[in-house]
Amino acid sequence: MRTAFRRTLLLCLPLALAAASAHATKVGDPAPSFSLVDTNGKQHALDDFKGKVVVLEWFNHDCPFVKKHYDSGNMPALQSRYTAKDVVWLSINSSAPGKQGNYAPDKASELSKEKKSAATYVLLDQDGTVGRLYGAKTTPHMFLIDDKGTLVYAGAIDDKPSTDKADVEGAKSYVRAAFDEAKAGKPVTTATTAPYGCSVKYGN
């Protein structure tokens, strides 16, 4: 089982660290603004959500690590939990045309509904500009922006880097811990972690 997992990880993460820009945004920096189109063709800018906590989730529905968190219901549950608290949850797909996980907007929308996504918006970043701006390396890769517009967390969704749905139960949710501390006005204790998953499928 562990050997198979290591093989999957090696296949999914070739040169992942090199995929994102060396000048990517770091925790503690103001979150840079961006504008992307959602799967329904509507434009959304980060500046539209000033004063709100924002979660950025990089995803690719063909990635087995993403499937783990959606098929288990973990990601939709987190999305529902926080959007109910007036958090803006932006799911971002940076897969380039011809790469794994890239779909036409209507198909992308259909897949998100099938996976029971409760994200505020599902955004398409086909040229990878926003992914590289934030240094998104894997799917999933999670970022938390506080209500002052500062990036306060970047990294893994939890501490169980596997594709096994059974590992969701009992995992430490870094996103949940970061949100609770940020919401309470406290510094985020674990502000950065190593993300795990498939490499973001950027174009050349």
Protein backbone atom coordinates (compact mmCIF):
# COMPACT_ATOMS: atom_id res chain seq x y z
CA MET A 1 0.00 0.00 0.00
CA ARG A 2 2.71 2.48 1.04
CA THR A 3 4.88 1.51 -1.95
CA ALA A 4 1.95 2.06 -4.31
CA PHE A 5 1.30 5.43 -2.69
CA ARG A 6 4.92 6.48 -3.16
CA ARG A 7 4.72 5.54 -6.82
CA THR A 8 1.54 7.60 -7.21
CA LEU A 9 3.13 10.56 -5.48
CA LEU A 10 6.22 10.37 -7.69
CA LEU A 11 4.07 10.22 -10.81
CA CYS A 12 1.90 13.11 -9.69
CA LEU A 13 4.63 15.43 -8.47
CA PRO A 14 7.37 15.62 -11.12
CA LEU A 15 9.16 18.93 -10.77
CA ALA A 16 6.25 20.33 -8.77
CA LEU A 17 8.50 22.70 -6.85
CA ALA A 18 9.81 24.14 -10.11
CA ALA A 19 6.36 24.60 -11.60
CA ALA A 20 5.47 27.68 -9.59
CA SER A 21 7.24 31.02 -9.78
CA ALA A 22 10.21 31.63 -7.51
CA HIS A 23 8.68 35.05 -6.83
CA ALA A 24 5.35 33.67 -5.63
CA THR A 25 3.43 35.36 -2.85
CA LYS A 26 4.52 34.36 0.66
CA VAL A 27 2.59 34.08 3.90
CA GLY A 28 2.51 37.47 5.57
CA ASP A 29 2.35 39.31 2.24
CA PRO A 30 -0.73 41.17 1.06
CA ALA A 31 -2.63 38.77 -1.17
CA PRO A 32 -2.18 40.04 -4.74
CA SER A 33 -5.30 40.86 -6.63
CA PHE A 34 -6.39 38.87 -9.64
CA SER A 35 -9.40 38.48 -11.88
CA LEU A 36 -10.66 35.21 -13.38
CA VAL A 37 -13.73 33.95 -15.19
CA ASP A 38 -15.90 31.31 -13.54
CA THR A 39 -17.37 28.25 -15.24
CA ASN A 40 -20.49 30.28 -16.09
CA GLY A 41 -18.49 32.95 -17.90
CA LYS A 42 -18.71 35.62 -15.19
CA GLN A 43 -15.63 37.62 -14.17
CA HIS A 44 -14.60 37.80 -10.50
CA ALA A 45 -11.81 39.81 -8.90
CA LEU A 46 -10.27 39.22 -5.49
CA ASP A 47 -10.85 42.91 -4.78
CA ASP A 48 -14.60 42.20 -4.94
CA PHE A 49 -14.29 40.43 -1.59
CA LYS A 50 -12.44 43.04 0.45
CA GLY A 51 -13.18 42.73 4.17
CA LYS A 52 -13.98 39.02 3.91
CA VAL A 53 -11.97 35.92 4.64
CA VAL A 54 -11.14 34.12 1.38
CA VAL A 55 -10.04 30.54 0.80
CA LEU A 56 -8.23 29.66 -2.43
CA GLU A 57 -8.29 25.97 -3.34
CA TRP A 58 -6.32 24.71 -6.32
CA PHE A 59 -7.97 21.61 -7.76
CA ASN A 60 -8.03 19.20 -10.68
CA HIS A 61 -10.90 16.71 -10.61
CA ASP A 62 -8.80 14.06 -12.41
CA CYS A 63 -6.15 14.05 -9.68
CA PRO A 64 -6.50 11.11 -7.25
CA PHE A 65 -5.63 13.32 -4.28
CA VAL A 66 -8.44 15.71 -5.19
CA LYS A 67 -10.78 12.76 -5.74
CA LYS A 68 -9.99 11.60 -2.21
CA HIS A 69 -11.21 14.85 -0.71
CA TYR A 70 -14.27 15.25 -2.94
CA ASP A 71 -15.41 11.63 -3.12
CA SER A 72 -15.15 11.30 0.67
CA GLY A 73 -17.21 14.48 1.05
CA ASN A 74 -14.41 16.20 2.94
CA MET A 75 -13.87 19.13 0.58
CA PRO A 76 -17.58 19.89 0.04
CA ALA A 77 -18.09 19.73 3.82
CA LEU A 78 -15.29 22.24 4.42
CA GLN A 79 -16.67 24.49 1.69
CA SER A 80 -20.16 24.37 3.18
CA ARG A 81 -18.85 24.93 6.71
CA TYR A 82 -17.02 28.12 5.80
CA THR A 83 -19.29 29.63 3.17
CA ALA A 84 -22.00 29.41 5.86
CA LYS A 85 -19.75 31.69 7.93
CA ASP A 86 -19.65 34.28 5.09
CA VAL A 87 -16.24 33.09 3.89
CA VAL A 88 -15.61 33.32 0.16
CA TRP A 89 -14.31 30.01 -1.21
CA LEU A 90 -12.68 30.17 -4.63
CA SER A 91 -11.82 26.86 -6.30
CA ILE A 92 -9.23 27.48 -9.02
CA ASN A 93 -8.24 25.17 -11.88
CA SER A 94 -4.92 26.06 -13.51
CA SER A 95 -4.74 23.03 -15.84
CA ALA A 96 -3.63 24.22 -19.28
CA PRO A 97 -5.43 23.22 -22.48
CA GLY A 98 -4.52 19.66 -23.39
CA LYS A 99 -3.40 18.88 -19.85
CA GLN A 100 -5.01 16.64 -17.24
CA GLY A 101 -8.01 18.27 -15.61
CA ASN A 102 -8.63 20.92 -18.27
CA TYR A 103 -12.25 21.01 -19.41
CA ALA A 104 -14.51 23.35 -21.31
CA PRO A 105 -16.44 25.62 -18.91
CA ASP A 106 -19.73 23.74 -19.24
CA LYS A 107 -18.08 20.39 -18.54
CA ALA A 108 -16.09 21.90 -15.67
CA SER A 109 -19.33 23.20 -14.19
CA GLU A 110 -20.98 19.81 -14.62
CA LEU A 111 -18.09 18.04 -12.87
CA SER A 112 -18.18 20.45 -9.94
CA LYS A 113 -21.90 19.77 -9.50
CA GLU A 114 -21.30 16.01 -9.68
CA LYS A 115 -18.65 16.35 -6.98
CA LYS A 116 -21.10 18.39 -4.87
CA SER A 117 -18.77 21.38 -4.74
CA ALA A 118 -20.04 24.09 -2.41
CA ALA A 119 -17.42 26.64 -3.47
CA THR A 120 -18.58 30.22 -3.87
CA TYR A 121 -17.13 30.22 -7.39
CA VAL A 122 -15.18 27.77 -9.53
CA LEU A 123 -12.61 29.76 -11.50
CA LEU A 124 -10.59 28.91 -14.60
CA ASP A 125 -6.92 29.91 -14.83
CA GLN A 126 -5.95 28.17 -18.05
CA ASP A 127 -2.81 30.22 -18.68
CA GLY A 128 -1.62 29.60 -15.12
CA THR A 129 -1.04 33.27 -14.32
CA VAL A 130 -2.79 33.23 -10.95
CA GLY A 131 -1.45 29.82 -9.98
CA ARG A 132 2.11 30.97 -10.55
CA LEU A 133 1.40 34.27 -8.79
CA TYR A 134 0.45 32.39 -5.64
CA GLY A 135 2.97 29.60 -6.09
CA ALA A 136 0.34 26.87 -6.36
CA LYS A 137 2.26 23.62 -6.74
CA THR A 138 -0.21 20.81 -6.18
CA THR A 139 -3.83 19.84 -6.30
CA PRO A 140 -5.05 20.40 -3.74
CA HIS A 141 -3.03 23.41 -2.56
CA MET A 142 -4.78 25.65 -0.04
CA PHE A 143 -4.40 29.36 0.75
CA LEU A 144 -6.18 31.44 3.39
CA ILE A 145 -6.52 35.21 3.13
CA ASP A 146 -7.74 37.05 6.22
CA ASP A 147 -10.26 39.88 6.30
CA LYS A 148 -7.43 42.43 6.10
CA GLY A 149 -6.26 40.97 2.78
CA THR A 150 -3.15 39.24 4.13
CA LEU A 151 -2.14 35.74 3.15
CA VAL A 152 -2.05 33.89 6.49
CA TYR A 153 -1.84 30.24 5.44
CA ALA A 154 -0.43 28.33 2.48
CA GLY A 155 0.02 24.59 2.15
CA ALA A 156 -1.65 21.23 2.53
CA ILE A 157 -5.28 20.69 3.39
CA ASP A 158 -4.30 18.28 6.19
CA ASP A 159 -1.52 16.09 7.57
CA LYS A 160 -2.40 12.85 5.74
CA PRO A 161 -0.65 12.95 2.32
CA SER A 162 -2.36 9.98 0.75
CA THR A 163 -5.04 9.09 -1.81
CA ASP A 164 -6.89 6.87 0.69
CA LYS A 165 -10.34 8.20 1.61
CA ALA A 166 -10.09 6.41 4.95
CA ASP A 167 -7.27 8.80 5.92
CA VAL A 168 -9.65 11.76 5.98
CA GLU A 169 -11.01 10.62 9.32
CA GLY A 170 -8.63 11.58 12.09
CA ALA A 171 -6.53 13.89 9.91
CA LYS A 172 -5.49 17.26 11.29
CA SER A 173 -7.09 19.94 9.14
CA TYR A 174 -4.53 22.71 8.70
CA VAL A 175 -7.13 24.85 6.95
CA ARG A 176 -9.59 24.58 9.81
CA ALA A 177 -6.92 25.36 12.42
CA ALA A 178 -5.68 28.37 10.44
CA PHE A 179 -9.19 29.71 9.96
CA ASP A 180 -10.10 29.39 13.65
CA GLU A 181 -6.97 31.23 14.76
CA ALA A 182 -7.25 33.96 12.12
CA LYS A 183 -10.94 34.49 12.91
CA ALA A 184 -10.07 34.89 16.58
CA GLY A 185 -7.49 37.54 15.68
CA LYS A 186 -4.60 35.28 16.65
CA PRO A 187 -1.44 34.57 14.65
CA VAL A 188 -1.72 31.33 12.70
CA THR A 189 0.45 28.80 14.54
CA THR A 190 1.11 26.61 11.50
CA ALA A 191 1.15 29.16 8.70
CA THR A 192 2.96 27.11 6.06
CA THR A 193 3.07 23.40 5.34
CA ALA A 194 4.31 21.32 2.43
CA PRO A 195 1.41 20.80 0.03
CA TYR A 196 0.76 17.33 -1.31
CA GLY A 197 -1.06 16.05 -4.38
CA CYS A 198 -0.62 16.03 -8.12
CA SER A 199 1.50 18.73 -9.70
CA VAL A 200 -0.52 21.64 -11.09
CA LYS A 201 -0.72 21.01 -14.83
CA TYR A 202 0.68 24.31 -16.07
CA GLY A 203 1.34 24.90 -19.75
CA ASN A 204 4.85 25.50 -21.06
